[in-house]
Structures are given as C-alpha cells and as structure tokens.
Protein backbone atom coordinates (compact mmCIF):
# COMPACT_ATOMS: atom_id res chain seq x y z
CA MET A 1 0.00 0.07 -0.04
CA ASN A 2 2.99 2.38 -0.02
CA ARG A 3 2.13 3.99 -3.28
CA ALA A 4 3.54 7.41 -4.47
CA TYR A 5 1.29 9.52 -6.53
CA ALA A 6 3.58 12.44 -6.99
CA ARG A 7 4.14 12.72 -10.71
CA SER A 8 0.17 11.80 -11.42
CA ALA A 9 -0.54 14.85 -9.06
CA ARG A 10 2.01 16.93 -10.86
CA LEU A 11 0.47 15.90 -14.39
CA ALA A 12 -3.22 16.26 -13.38
CA ALA A 13 -2.71 19.90 -12.15
CA GLU A 14 -1.13 20.62 -15.52
CA ALA A 15 -4.11 18.88 -17.27
CA ARG A 16 -6.53 20.95 -15.44
CA GLU A 17 -4.77 24.02 -17.05
CA TYR A 18 -6.04 22.87 -20.71
CA ILE A 19 -8.88 20.33 -20.14
CA PRO A 20 -12.00 21.26 -17.86
CA GLY A 21 -11.31 19.40 -14.75
CA GLY A 22 -8.46 17.58 -16.16
CA ILE A 23 -10.46 14.64 -17.72
CA ASN A 24 -12.41 14.22 -20.92
CA THR A 25 -15.31 12.15 -19.35
CA SER A 26 -16.91 13.27 -16.07
CA ILE A 27 -17.19 9.69 -14.51
CA ARG A 28 -13.16 9.20 -14.97
CA LYS A 29 -12.47 11.54 -12.25
CA LEU A 30 -10.12 9.74 -9.40
CA ASP A 31 -9.17 10.68 -6.01
CA PRO A 32 -6.17 10.64 -5.78
CA PRO A 33 -5.90 11.70 -9.61
CA LEU A 34 -4.11 9.21 -11.64
CA ILE A 35 -2.21 9.53 -14.81
CA PHE A 36 -1.74 6.24 -16.48
CA ASP A 37 1.17 5.45 -18.55
CA ARG A 38 1.03 1.96 -19.90
CA ALA A 39 -1.36 -0.83 -20.25
CA GLU A 40 -0.70 -4.51 -21.21
CA GLY A 41 -2.64 -7.86 -20.78
CA ALA A 42 -4.48 -7.61 -17.56
CA ARG A 43 -2.00 -4.92 -16.06
CA LEU A 44 -2.06 -0.95 -15.81
CA TRP A 45 0.90 1.27 -14.76
CA ASP A 46 0.52 5.01 -13.71
CA ALA A 47 2.95 7.78 -14.21
CA ASP A 48 4.68 6.89 -10.86
CA GLY A 49 5.30 3.30 -12.14
CA ASN A 50 2.52 1.75 -9.72
CA GLU A 51 1.38 -1.27 -11.29
CA TYR A 52 -2.34 -2.60 -10.96
CA VAL A 53 -4.08 -5.60 -12.12
CA ASP A 54 -7.14 -4.03 -14.06
CA TYR A 55 -10.64 -5.10 -13.45
CA HIS A 56 -12.20 -1.81 -14.73
CA ALA A 57 -11.44 -2.61 -18.39
CA ALA A 58 -12.36 0.77 -19.49
CA PHE A 59 -16.16 0.24 -18.30
CA GLY A 60 -15.95 -3.01 -20.24
CA PRO A 61 -14.45 -2.89 -23.69
CA ILE A 62 -11.05 -4.93 -22.73
CA VAL A 63 -12.28 -8.51 -23.22
CA LEU A 64 -9.25 -9.93 -24.42
CA GLY A 65 -6.79 -7.79 -22.46
CA HIS A 66 -4.92 -4.45 -23.07
CA CYS A 67 -2.90 -4.27 -26.22
CA HIS A 68 -3.59 -7.56 -27.51
CA PRO A 69 -0.96 -8.65 -29.83
CA LYS A 70 -3.17 -9.91 -32.45
CA VAL A 71 -5.69 -7.08 -32.34
CA ASP A 72 -3.05 -4.61 -32.49
CA ALA A 73 -0.97 -6.53 -35.45
CA ARG A 74 -4.23 -6.45 -37.49
CA VAL A 75 -4.69 -2.86 -36.79
CA ALA A 76 -0.81 -2.06 -37.54
CA GLU A 77 -1.30 -4.07 -40.78
CA THR A 78 -4.25 -2.06 -41.97
CA ILE A 79 -2.85 1.14 -40.95
CA ARG A 80 0.31 0.51 -43.48
CA ARG A 81 -2.08 0.34 -46.31
CA LEU A 82 -5.21 2.08 -45.57
CA ASP A 83 -6.56 4.99 -43.53
CA LEU A 84 -9.71 7.13 -43.68
CA ILE A 85 -11.13 7.42 -47.42
CA GLY A 86 -14.62 8.58 -46.63
CA ALA A 87 -16.19 7.17 -49.89
CA GLY A 88 -17.69 3.95 -50.86
CA ALA A 89 -16.70 1.09 -48.50
CA THR A 90 -14.06 -1.28 -47.64
CA GLU A 91 -13.83 -4.92 -47.61
CA LEU A 92 -12.87 -4.74 -43.88
CA GLU A 93 -16.52 -3.28 -42.93
CA ILE A 94 -18.27 -5.63 -45.19
CA GLU A 95 -16.68 -8.54 -43.61
CA ALA A 96 -17.19 -7.15 -39.85
CA ALA A 97 -20.82 -6.52 -40.87
CA ARG A 98 -21.21 -10.18 -42.17
CA LYS A 99 -19.53 -11.57 -38.90
CA ILE A 100 -22.02 -9.65 -36.70
CA CYS A 101 -24.91 -10.63 -38.75
CA GLN A 102 -23.66 -14.22 -38.59
CA HIS A 103 -23.39 -14.08 -34.69
CA VAL A 104 -26.19 -11.87 -33.26
CA PRO A 105 -29.56 -13.29 -33.55
CA SER A 106 -31.33 -9.87 -34.37
CA ALA A 107 -28.66 -8.77 -36.79
CA GLU A 108 -29.88 -8.83 -40.44
CA ARG A 109 -28.27 -5.60 -41.21
CA VAL A 110 -25.56 -3.54 -39.42
CA GLN A 111 -24.55 0.03 -39.68
CA PHE A 112 -21.29 1.25 -37.70
CA CYS A 113 -20.84 4.32 -35.78
CA ASN A 114 -18.34 5.33 -33.23
CA SER A 115 -19.83 5.15 -29.86
CA GLY A 116 -23.00 3.53 -27.75
CA SER A 117 -24.29 6.90 -27.54
CA GLU A 118 -24.39 7.27 -31.37
CA ALA A 119 -25.63 3.88 -31.78
CA THR A 120 -28.83 4.38 -29.43
CA TYR A 121 -29.41 7.80 -30.75
CA ASN A 122 -29.64 6.42 -34.03
CA ALA A 123 -31.95 3.55 -32.76
CA VAL A 124 -34.63 6.04 -31.14
CA ARG A 125 -34.57 8.18 -34.12
CA LEU A 126 -35.12 4.99 -36.53
CA SER A 127 -38.08 3.62 -33.93
CA ARG A 128 -39.56 7.11 -34.38
CA ALA A 129 -39.41 6.89 -37.81
CA VAL A 130 -40.65 3.29 -38.30
CA THR A 131 -43.57 3.87 -35.89
CA GLY A 132 -44.80 7.63 -36.51
CA ARG A 133 -44.74 7.69 -32.58
CA LYS A 134 -42.69 9.83 -30.02
CA LYS A 135 -42.59 8.21 -26.68
CA ILE A 136 -39.78 6.08 -25.61
CA VAL A 137 -39.97 3.80 -22.55
CA LYS A 138 -36.57 3.37 -20.51
CA PHE A 139 -35.89 1.78 -17.10
CA GLN A 140 -34.61 3.37 -13.91
CA GLY A 141 -30.97 2.75 -13.58
CA CYS A 142 -30.29 1.83 -17.08
CA TYR A 143 -27.83 4.13 -19.04
CA HIS A 144 -28.01 4.47 -22.81
CA GLY A 145 -25.61 7.41 -23.30
CA TRP A 146 -25.25 11.16 -23.12
CA HIS A 147 -27.99 12.43 -25.66
CA ASP A 148 -31.18 14.04 -24.76
CA TYR A 149 -33.31 11.26 -25.76
CA LEU A 150 -32.20 8.93 -23.07
CA ALA A 151 -29.78 10.83 -20.50
CA MET A 152 -32.00 10.69 -17.40
CA ASN A 153 -32.81 8.51 -14.47
CA VAL A 154 -29.66 6.45 -14.12
CA ILE A 155 -28.69 6.73 -10.64
CA SER A 156 -31.21 8.80 -8.97
CA PRO A 157 -31.66 9.99 -5.34
CA ARG A 158 -34.67 8.49 -3.67
CA GLU A 159 -36.76 11.52 -4.02
CA LYS A 160 -36.42 11.35 -7.78
CA ILE A 161 -37.54 7.89 -8.10
CA GLY A 162 -40.68 7.88 -10.24
CA ARG A 163 -40.15 11.36 -11.62
CA HIS A 164 -38.05 12.62 -14.41
CA ASP A 165 -34.12 12.96 -13.48
CA PRO A 166 -32.21 14.47 -16.30
CA LEU A 167 -28.50 14.03 -15.99
CA SER A 168 -27.66 17.33 -17.54
CA ALA A 169 -28.81 21.02 -17.71
CA GLY A 170 -29.59 22.08 -20.91
CA MET A 171 -31.71 19.03 -22.16
CA LEU A 172 -34.62 19.80 -24.19
CA PRO A 173 -37.86 19.65 -22.29
CA GLU A 174 -39.63 17.87 -25.15
CA ALA A 175 -37.18 14.96 -24.98
CA ILE A 176 -37.48 14.72 -21.33
CA GLU A 177 -41.28 14.65 -21.49
CA ASN A 178 -41.55 11.94 -24.10
CA THR A 179 -39.24 9.58 -22.01
CA ILE A 180 -41.41 7.25 -19.76
CA VAL A 181 -39.18 5.85 -17.09
CA LEU A 182 -40.45 2.50 -15.66
CA THR A 183 -39.14 0.00 -12.92
CA PHE A 184 -36.81 -2.94 -14.38
CA ASN A 185 -38.30 -6.30 -13.87
CA SER A 186 -41.86 -4.83 -13.15
CA VAL A 187 -44.25 -6.73 -15.44
CA GLU A 188 -47.18 -5.14 -13.73
CA GLU A 189 -45.74 -1.38 -14.72
CA LEU A 190 -44.97 -2.36 -18.14
CA GLU A 191 -48.37 -3.89 -18.78
CA GLU A 192 -50.09 -0.86 -17.21
CA THR A 193 -48.13 1.74 -19.42
CA PHE A 194 -49.07 -0.06 -22.59
CA ARG A 195 -52.74 -0.28 -21.45
CA ARG A 196 -52.70 3.48 -21.10
CA GLN A 197 -50.34 4.78 -23.84
CA ALA A 198 -49.72 1.80 -26.33
CA GLY A 199 -50.56 4.10 -29.27
CA GLU A 200 -47.91 6.61 -28.21
CA ILE A 201 -44.70 4.34 -27.59
CA ALA A 202 -42.40 4.14 -30.20
CA ALA A 203 -39.82 1.77 -28.66
CA VAL A 204 -38.70 0.26 -25.08
CA ILE A 205 -35.26 0.06 -24.78
CA LEU A 206 -33.11 -1.47 -22.01
CA GLU A 207 -29.79 -2.87 -21.00
CA PRO A 208 -30.79 -6.71 -20.87
CA VAL A 209 -28.51 -6.69 -17.83
CA PRO A 210 -28.26 -3.02 -16.16
CA HIS A 211 -24.69 -3.17 -15.77
CA ASN A 212 -24.43 0.62 -15.25
CA ILE A 213 -25.87 -0.06 -11.71
CA GLY A 214 -23.36 -3.38 -11.33
CA CYS A 215 -25.31 -6.52 -12.37
CA VAL A 216 -29.00 -6.80 -11.96
CA LEU A 217 -30.26 -9.95 -13.72
CA PRO A 218 -33.55 -9.68 -15.77
CA GLU A 219 -36.39 -12.24 -14.85
CA GLN A 220 -37.52 -14.16 -17.91
CA PRO A 221 -41.25 -13.40 -17.47
CA PHE A 222 -40.24 -9.75 -17.73
CA LEU A 223 -38.15 -10.20 -20.87
CA ALA A 224 -41.09 -12.33 -22.43
CA ALA A 225 -43.56 -9.60 -21.58
CA LEU A 226 -41.18 -6.89 -23.12
CA ARG A 227 -41.17 -9.09 -26.57
CA GLU A 228 -44.68 -9.80 -26.28
CA LEU A 229 -46.11 -6.47 -25.40
CA THR A 230 -44.00 -4.48 -28.04
CA ARG A 231 -44.87 -6.97 -30.65
CA ARG A 232 -48.57 -6.82 -29.95
CA HIS A 233 -48.59 -3.00 -30.11
CA ARG A 234 -46.31 -2.51 -32.91
CA SER A 235 -43.65 -0.95 -30.89
CA LEU A 236 -40.01 -1.55 -31.49
CA LEU A 237 -37.78 -3.41 -28.64
CA ILE A 238 -34.24 -2.13 -28.29
CA PHE A 239 -31.42 -4.08 -26.60
CA ASP A 240 -28.70 -1.84 -25.62
CA GLU A 241 -25.96 -4.45 -25.75
CA VAL A 242 -23.13 -1.79 -25.69
CA ILE A 243 -21.86 -3.47 -22.45
CA THR A 244 -23.48 -7.16 -22.72
CA GLY A 245 -22.65 -7.53 -26.37
CA PHE A 246 -19.54 -9.96 -27.16
CA ARG A 247 -18.83 -9.75 -23.22
CA HIS A 248 -21.48 -12.33 -22.39
CA GLY A 249 -20.87 -14.16 -25.72
CA LEU A 250 -20.65 -13.32 -29.44
CA GLY A 251 -24.45 -13.36 -29.61
CA GLY A 252 -24.76 -11.02 -26.90
CA TYR A 253 -27.26 -11.42 -24.02
CA GLN A 254 -30.12 -12.01 -26.48
CA LYS A 255 -28.66 -15.28 -27.35
CA VAL A 256 -28.34 -16.23 -23.65
CA CYS A 257 -32.10 -15.39 -22.79
CA GLY A 258 -33.51 -16.43 -26.38
CA VAL A 259 -35.45 -13.10 -26.69
CA THR A 260 -34.82 -11.57 -29.93
CA PRO A 261 -35.27 -7.70 -30.39
CA ASP A 262 -36.03 -5.47 -33.39
CA LEU A 263 -32.92 -3.51 -32.89
CA THR A 264 -29.76 -3.94 -31.14
CA THR A 265 -26.82 -1.54 -30.11
CA LEU A 266 -23.41 -2.68 -29.73
CA ALA A 267 -20.00 -1.10 -28.63
CA LYS A 268 -17.26 -1.59 -26.04
CA SER A 269 -15.99 -5.26 -26.53
CA ILE A 270 -16.80 -5.59 -30.09
CA ALA A 271 -13.28 -4.07 -30.80
CA ASN A 272 -11.51 -4.60 -27.58
CA GLY A 273 -11.18 -0.90 -26.76
CA TYR A 274 -10.92 0.67 -29.99
CA PRO A 275 -13.57 3.18 -30.79
CA CYS A 276 -16.51 1.51 -32.75
CA ALA A 277 -20.20 0.77 -32.18
CA ALA A 278 -22.96 -0.57 -34.35
CA LEU A 279 -26.62 -0.34 -34.69
CA CYS A 280 -27.93 -3.55 -36.22
CA GLY A 281 -31.43 -5.20 -36.37
CA ARG A 282 -34.15 -6.29 -38.66
CA ARG A 283 -33.85 -5.97 -42.45
CA ASP A 284 -37.00 -3.83 -43.20
CA TYR A 285 -36.18 -1.34 -40.38
CA MET A 286 -32.58 -0.79 -41.00
CA GLU A 287 -33.24 -0.29 -44.68
CA ARG A 288 -35.23 2.80 -43.79
CA LEU A 289 -31.83 4.45 -43.02
CA ALA A 290 -30.59 6.98 -45.62
CA THR A 291 -27.67 4.65 -46.54
CA ALA A 292 -30.19 2.28 -48.10
CA GLY A 293 -31.92 5.06 -49.65
CA GLY A 294 -34.48 5.55 -46.95
CA ASP A 295 -35.60 8.49 -45.18
CA VAL A 296 -33.89 8.35 -41.70
CA PHE A 297 -30.57 10.36 -41.81
CA PHE A 298 -27.39 8.17 -40.81
CA ALA A 299 -23.88 9.68 -41.33
CA GLY A 300 -20.47 10.08 -39.80
CA THR A 301 -17.15 10.90 -41.00
CA TYR A 302 -15.36 8.00 -38.95
CA ASN A 303 -18.12 5.29 -39.35
CA ALA A 304 -16.54 2.08 -39.99
CA HIS A 305 -13.10 3.45 -39.85
CA PRO A 306 -10.79 0.79 -41.37
CA LEU A 307 -8.75 0.80 -38.13
CA ALA A 308 -11.99 0.07 -36.08
CA MET A 309 -13.01 -2.54 -38.51
CA ALA A 310 -9.69 -4.28 -38.33
CA ALA A 311 -10.03 -4.44 -34.53
CA VAL A 312 -13.51 -5.88 -34.83
CA LEU A 313 -12.45 -8.56 -37.16
CA ALA A 314 -9.19 -9.56 -34.94
CA THR A 315 -11.53 -9.34 -31.77
CA ILE A 316 -14.22 -11.77 -33.26
CA ALA A 317 -11.56 -14.21 -34.56
CA GLU A 318 -10.23 -14.48 -31.18
CA LEU A 319 -13.64 -15.02 -29.43
CA GLU A 320 -15.11 -17.42 -32.02
CA ASP A 321 -13.98 -20.72 -30.82
CA GLY A 322 -15.42 -20.06 -27.29
CA SER A 323 -12.21 -20.65 -25.31
CA VAL A 324 -12.11 -16.95 -24.36
CA HIS A 325 -15.54 -17.00 -22.73
CA ARG A 326 -15.05 -20.30 -21.13
CA HIS A 327 -11.71 -18.85 -19.49
CA ILE A 328 -13.37 -15.56 -18.53
CA PHE A 329 -16.60 -17.15 -17.32
CA ALA A 330 -14.49 -19.64 -15.11
CA LEU A 331 -12.70 -16.58 -13.68
CA GLY A 332 -15.79 -14.91 -13.00
CA GLU A 333 -17.03 -17.55 -11.17
CA LYS A 334 -14.12 -17.97 -9.18
CA ALA A 335 -13.93 -14.32 -8.35
CA ARG A 336 -17.77 -14.30 -7.11
CA LYS A 337 -17.69 -17.49 -5.25
CA GLY A 338 -14.45 -16.14 -3.49
CA LEU A 339 -16.12 -12.66 -2.50
CA GLU A 340 -18.94 -14.43 -1.38
CA ASP A 341 -17.15 -16.79 1.00
CA LEU A 342 -15.27 -13.84 2.36
CA LEU A 343 -18.36 -11.90 3.03
CA LEU A 344 -19.74 -14.87 4.73
CA ARG A 345 -16.85 -15.24 7.10
CA SER A 346 -16.77 -11.53 7.85
CA GLY A 347 -20.54 -11.56 8.77
CA ALA A 348 -20.95 -8.26 6.59
CA SER A 349 -24.01 -7.07 5.43
CA ALA A 350 -23.18 -7.24 1.72
CA SER A 351 -23.46 -9.48 -1.41
CA VAL A 352 -22.07 -10.49 -4.53
CA ALA A 353 -23.69 -10.37 -7.93
CA GLY A 354 -22.65 -10.76 -11.35
CA PHE A 355 -22.92 -12.85 -14.82
CA GLY A 356 -20.09 -14.42 -16.84
CA SER A 357 -17.03 -12.30 -16.58
CA VAL A 358 -18.83 -9.58 -14.51
CA PHE A 359 -18.66 -9.23 -10.67
CA VAL A 360 -19.82 -6.37 -8.09
CA VAL A 361 -20.06 -6.27 -4.44
CA TYR A 362 -23.17 -4.42 -2.97
CA PHE A 363 -23.24 -3.47 0.52
CA ARG A 364 -26.72 -4.54 1.25
CA GLU A 365 -28.44 -7.89 1.64
CA PRO A 366 -28.79 -10.21 -1.74
CA GLY A 367 -31.84 -10.14 -3.82
CA VAL A 368 -31.63 -6.96 -5.96
CA ARG A 369 -34.28 -6.93 -8.61
CA ASN A 370 -33.90 -3.08 -9.76
CA PHE A 371 -32.56 -0.02 -8.92
CA THR A 372 -34.92 0.57 -5.99
CA GLY A 373 -33.32 -2.16 -4.12
CA LEU A 374 -29.71 -0.47 -4.73
CA LEU A 375 -31.34 2.56 -2.65
CA GLU A 376 -30.24 0.45 0.47
CA ASN A 377 -26.68 0.18 -0.62
CA ASP A 378 -24.30 1.65 1.83
CA MET A 379 -22.63 4.07 -0.98
CA GLY A 380 -20.01 5.24 1.43
CA ALA A 381 -18.70 1.67 2.39
CA ASP A 382 -19.07 0.65 -1.34
CA ALA A 383 -16.67 3.35 -2.41
CA ALA A 384 -14.38 2.92 0.46
CA PHE A 385 -13.95 -0.67 -0.19
CA ARG A 386 -13.19 -0.04 -3.92
CA ARG A 387 -10.67 2.57 -2.74
CA GLY A 388 -9.05 -0.06 -0.64
CA LEU A 389 -8.73 -2.75 -3.81
CA VAL A 390 -7.01 0.41 -5.74
CA GLU A 391 -4.67 1.38 -2.91
CA ARG A 392 -3.49 -2.34 -2.93
CA GLY A 393 -3.05 -2.65 -6.60
CA SER A 394 -6.52 -4.14 -7.90
CA PHE A 395 -7.86 -1.50 -10.20
CA VAL A 396 -11.72 -1.02 -9.96
CA LEU A 397 -13.53 2.15 -10.65
CA PRO A 398 -13.71 3.78 -6.99
CA LEU A 399 -17.50 4.71 -7.43
CA ALA A 400 -20.17 2.75 -5.72
CA LEU A 401 -22.40 0.31 -7.99
CA LYS A 402 -19.65 0.00 -10.70
CA ARG A 403 -18.82 -3.70 -11.95
CA GLY A 404 -15.64 -5.20 -12.42
CA HIS A 405 -14.68 -7.12 -15.48
CA ILE A 406 -12.29 -10.07 -16.17
CA SER A 407 -10.49 -10.25 -19.51
CA ALA A 408 -8.74 -13.25 -21.08
CA ALA A 409 -5.36 -11.96 -19.92
CA HIS A 410 -6.46 -12.69 -16.25
CA THR A 411 -5.03 -15.67 -14.58
CA VAL A 412 -6.09 -17.62 -11.61
CA ALA A 413 -3.23 -16.10 -9.72
CA ASP A 414 -4.66 -12.73 -10.56
CA ILE A 415 -8.09 -13.68 -8.81
CA ASP A 416 -6.31 -15.10 -5.87
CA LEU A 417 -4.74 -11.81 -5.48
CA LEU A 418 -8.03 -9.98 -6.05
CA LEU A 419 -9.58 -12.13 -3.21
CA GLU A 420 -6.20 -11.22 -0.92
CA HIS A 421 -6.69 -7.38 -1.58
CA ALA A 422 -10.36 -7.56 -1.07
CA GLU A 423 -10.09 -9.38 2.47
CA ALA A 424 -7.85 -6.62 3.50
CA ALA A 425 -9.83 -3.81 2.05
CA LEU A 426 -13.29 -5.19 3.53
CA LYS A 427 -11.37 -5.47 6.99
CA THR A 428 -10.52 -1.71 6.67
CA THR A 429 -14.01 -0.73 5.30
CA LEU A 430 -15.80 -2.57 8.01
CA GLN A 431 -13.61 -0.85 10.89
CA GLY A 432 -15.18 2.50 9.42
CA ALA A 433 -18.83 1.15 9.14
CA PRO A 434 -19.28 -1.35 11.97
CA ALA A 435 -23.06 -1.43 11.31
CA LEU A 436 -22.29 -3.36 8.37
CA SER A 437 -20.81 -6.28 10.53
CA ALA A 438 -23.96 -6.58 12.54
CA ARG A 439 -25.60 -9.40 10.14
C-alpha cells in the first residue's frame, strides 16, 4: 500500500490548465488523480510506476486484454495500407458486418458508428420513424448514453424515483417529456403503461442486464412480457448491448436469454477497446436508413473507420472458438464465489452479484431486482471498499455500484490476488462502518 502519486499529481494539475477538470469524461475523475502511462494484458501502470491488475477494463471493452498482440497486429497491418477514405466502403467493413450478422440473432443488417451513445441515438430516431410515434420507454438505472433522448434516471436519489431525473442542464424539455421511465423487472408497470399509452410508444429500450448499476439480472417473465407487448402493440424492442454484447457471448445477452429484439446496439467489447459501435436489426427497419435510400438520416465521417473494422475482425476471430468466454466465465465464477465466501466469513451485510466475466459487491443484503433495491446500498462503504482495492493494486473504478470485468489476460493467480486484496480492503471498510458487521 506504500504507493506514491507525485508525478500523477503534477500531471493532473497541468491537465486542469488545459482540459476542464483535467479529464475528458466526467465519470473518469479519481481521488487521488491518476495519470496512466502503460497498459498490457491485465495490467496498468501509472505515471509513478505503480502497477495494477485491471478489473475496470475501461468500463468493459477490454475483453481480450490490453494491447492484445493479434488485435494490434491486425490494426498495424491495416494502417500501413489504408486509412480514412470517406467514400464507398472497404472490404473490412463488409466482412465485419457479415460476422456480426452471423453471430447476433437480431442482426439482419448492420450500420457502424463510433460510440454507444451514437448507436442508441440512431436506434431511437429510427424507431420513431418506423412507428410514427414519439414516446420512448426506458428503465430506472439503465444508461444509454449522453444524448437528450435518454440521459435521465440513471443513478437517481430516492426522491427522484418515479419522476424525471435528467443527467444534465440544457436538455430539451420535449425530449425529457417524451421519455417514460419504468421499474426494471416490473411486468405490472410495463403492462399498465401499454394499457394506457400503447398508441404513443415508439420503442422500449433497455440494457438486458443493467450493468450501469453493477449487475441486476432480468427475470425471464419480464423479458417475455417486453417481447410480447412490443410486438402486439407494434412498438420496437431495443436491446442496448453496448456492455453485454460480445462480453457475455458473441451473440450478446439476447442469445443467452432467447429473446430477440427488433434493434440492437453494440460497442465496447466488439473492438477490444478501439472506438467502434454498431446499430443492427431487422432488415425492413434498417433499410429505412438513408444509407439504403430511406428517409432516416445516418452519417458520420469516422463511421466504419478501417482501423476500427480491423479491430472488430481480430476480436471476433479470437472469440469465435469459445475458449475466451470459457476462460473468463470460469474466472468470473471463481471471483464471485471467493468474494461470497469472504463476505460470509466476515459477517458483513453485503452481497455479490454478477454474470459471466462480471462481478460486483453490494453493501446490502442479496436479492436486488431493480434500482430501487439499491437505494439500500451503503454507498460510502461501497466506495471505501473500492478505494481499498485500488490502493492495494487491484484497479476497479472507485465509485459505488460499478462492476468489475475480467479479460482473457487474467489468470487464476490474479483472482487469488484480488481476493487477498478484497479481504484486506473489507476489513478496513468494516472498521469504518461497524453497522455493516451486524448481520
């Protein structure tokens, strides 16, 4: 734990002279501020030379490991012969789209863009054009990007549950008013909303597993109701698989649960950290896009950038035989079981959740069905535990509710070290919050 951060502190101060807050995404703020210098495999190094085993994975994209040699080699080979053209297409994007159509159940056509926010923005616009309706249903706790259509009711205070809770000043009131926010896993709320407003609802969008708040698993009757109600009332069902896509399998969570949406958004793990996203879905809907001569505008200078397409193809090639998912799922199970045993021995009022390669510790009793249940989470203890992990060299984002991710580069020894760090961090956390030990 004897880590020095002097150079990071100096560089962070310099960053604030030129960059608002010294960071380029608000949720990247760290205390102490860290400036990262190198990444390889499952490891990170900061500007002071401190080494970390990385479980943050840049919010999830790093499914193979940092600077994966085969992904980087494919990108390097591409950049020696091809950069941005901005006209026509490349063989790379054709092959990348073909591969996604091959693996993702809902993907009959694919359009590439650059971020998950772009993908969900275009999914909402397309759903409104297809249906001629305005209202979008989302769920409390799910995050779908920074745009006005959906940037609301993510991690909300208790008094904002059941009311609109926009993430930002400057959002259009019309966008907020045309968003209906419901409780995840509540079939009753969903049915009542369609009973009252079916003719107004263009689409229902959700993270099939709300990883923005850790890991809340969907109940199968809820997923079945989503599919049945949207189909019956001619609304579109959109799965935001920006996190779950490729991380939970090449087919995304839709293949796991057996529910096929009308549209799917992908990003993060599809290119192992290179900037790339995709909107995919039914052929008849996707061909409403202007790229196919339709009336729904879709454009972007960097869409299907050759380097991103090379990364997508190399990532898919590594994932196709299933060995990566077997490895990361086994390590995920080991991490979750080890954390559960640790919590049981400690007597802490805490629980473990997760799926596949994802894990999270909640400082509340088990059995979370939706965001409302997480209002009972001890946010202070949660953040303190995470800071304790970072201080010992297991890097997770030191913010409450954020999930950990395992990559193909992690080993059994890494998980053993994580559990060692977790035991020490939990002991310190419980000393500062004795009420949590009263189970």
